[in-house]
Protein backbone atom coordinates (compact mmCIF):
# COMPACT_ATOMS: atom_id res chain seq x y z
CA MET A 1 2.74 -24.45 40.73
CA ARG A 2 -0.17 -22.20 41.31
CA GLN A 3 -2.71 -23.91 43.74
CA LYS A 4 -6.14 -24.47 41.87
CA GLU A 5 -9.34 -22.91 43.23
CA VAL A 6 -12.86 -22.34 42.42
CA GLN A 7 -13.25 -19.76 39.44
CA CYS A 8 -16.50 -18.24 37.32
CA VAL A 9 -15.30 -18.98 33.96
CA VAL A 10 -17.77 -17.73 31.12
CA THR A 11 -17.41 -19.57 27.54
CA PHE A 12 -18.17 -18.05 24.13
CA GLN A 13 -19.58 -19.18 20.87
CA THR A 14 -17.04 -16.90 18.85
CA THR A 15 -13.73 -14.92 19.46
CA THR A 16 -15.45 -11.76 18.41
CA GLU A 17 -17.94 -12.56 21.66
CA ALA A 18 -14.89 -13.23 23.81
CA MET A 19 -13.18 -9.98 22.42
CA VAL A 20 -16.20 -7.36 22.55
CA PHE A 21 -16.91 -8.76 26.53
CA GLU A 22 -13.29 -8.62 27.47
CA GLU A 23 -13.17 -4.90 26.44
CA ALA A 24 -16.57 -4.27 28.45
CA ALA A 25 -15.41 -6.30 31.42
CA LYS A 26 -12.03 -4.21 31.61
CA GLU A 27 -14.46 -0.89 31.69
CA ALA A 28 -16.31 -2.04 33.91
CA GLY A 29 -13.79 -2.57 36.10
CA LEU A 30 -13.79 -6.66 36.40
CA SER A 31 -10.27 -7.91 37.48
CA GLY A 32 -10.52 -11.16 35.42
CA ARG A 33 -8.67 -11.92 32.39
CA ILE A 34 -8.83 -14.00 29.20
CA ILE A 35 -7.78 -17.92 29.53
CA PRO A 36 -7.58 -20.83 27.19
CA LEU A 37 -11.01 -23.16 27.24
CA PRO A 38 -10.21 -25.26 29.99
CA ARG A 39 -10.61 -28.88 28.95
CA ALA A 40 -13.15 -29.78 31.28
CA ILE A 41 -16.01 -27.63 29.33
CA ALA A 42 -17.05 -27.48 25.40
CA ALA A 43 -17.49 -24.00 23.80
CA GLY A 44 -17.51 -22.98 20.25
CA CYS A 45 -14.62 -20.30 20.91
CA GLY A 46 -11.43 -21.58 22.47
CA LEU A 47 -11.28 -18.46 24.82
CA ALA A 48 -12.98 -18.03 27.84
CA TRP A 49 -13.19 -14.98 30.42
CA ARG A 50 -11.87 -16.37 34.38
CA GLU A 51 -12.89 -14.26 37.14
CA ASN A 52 -13.24 -14.74 41.29
CA PRO A 53 -16.62 -16.32 41.62
CA LYS A 54 -17.34 -13.65 44.45
CA CYS A 55 -18.12 -11.48 41.39
CA ARG A 56 -20.42 -13.47 39.44
CA ALA A 57 -22.98 -11.22 40.04
CA ALA A 58 -21.23 -8.40 38.57
CA LEU A 59 -20.55 -10.42 35.55
CA GLU A 60 -24.47 -11.75 34.98
CA LYS A 61 -25.03 -7.57 35.41
CA LEU A 62 -22.74 -6.72 33.07
CA LEU A 63 -23.86 -9.41 30.37
CA GLY A 64 -27.59 -8.23 30.75
CA GLU A 65 -27.08 -4.56 30.87
CA HIS A 66 -25.02 -4.85 28.00
CA HIS A 67 -26.62 -7.32 25.92
CA LEU A 68 -23.45 -9.24 25.40
CA GLU A 69 -23.60 -12.77 23.58
CA TYR A 70 -21.73 -15.44 25.90
CA ASP A 71 -22.18 -19.56 25.89
CA ARG A 72 -22.39 -20.38 29.84
CA ILE A 73 -21.34 -19.63 33.12
CA TYR A 74 -19.37 -22.25 34.85
CA GLU A 75 -17.94 -22.23 38.39
CA LEU A 76 -14.86 -24.78 37.92
CA VAL A 77 -11.65 -25.59 40.00
CA ILE A 78 -8.55 -24.57 37.60
């Protein structure tokens, strides 16, 4: 079993928002991926983006520059 560690998790209100973000993140070179929404949090969509917390500034920059819709950004041990 994989050891749990702190991850940056972006949640979305809709699946469409998650898919649009995934495409933009891949184009921007982020190394994260779409995951099922962790049980510890709630959002309108059952998908979330997991990324290394060291990349949080890059995530926030991408969200702001491209005016991408999202719910919240969490730092969780998952």
